[in-house]
């Protein structure tokens, strides 16, 4: 887990912490969720016995999570007793006037091109890039082939270009439109940090998917 972009000063990287969930709190949160955490500190964790081996203990202090609750932004206060996130979540609900405006926009001539031009309006040109970002945000259509293969509707976009070509501006703008998005750069987005990999757990010695 890591700090959210709203909790860190400008220009600083978010701090991260590895948390291992056990038993009934496994798979209680997904990427991008905010949650309350309850944990306890232990000195020397006993690992379960493996076949043909004796139980072993890990030296040093460890933090063991014992419970968690996903924060959906609808409660009165968050973990720091602030109503900011709840107010922001309420402000994103569509009003009746906004719904009527969307219905009128459907009948606007050349509406799709206007949507494309609305992506990062501060950057001139690059219509194909803004078109790709718009299609990525809208998503594709999930399909199942005759062979029973599932084809997901998610669209991945890779932006490649020279320096100072507004690549970061496109990505930052797209991250502000999606609630669960996480903007990463530098070391956190290199190598296999954003993909599924098989790695060896340094604590248990077994291979896990990440």
Foldseek 3Di string as FASTA:
>chain_A
DWDAPVVDDPPDDIDDDDADADDPCPPQDDQLWDKDWDWDKDAWDWDDDDVPGDIHTDGDIDIHTDDMDTDPLCDCADPVGDNVSVVVVVVPDDDPVNVVVVVVLVPDPPSVQVQLCVQLVVDPDPSVVSNLLVDQVVWADWDADPVRDTDGGHDDDDDDDDPPPCPVVNVVSSQVVDNRDDDDDDPCPDDCNPHWDWDADPVPRHIDID
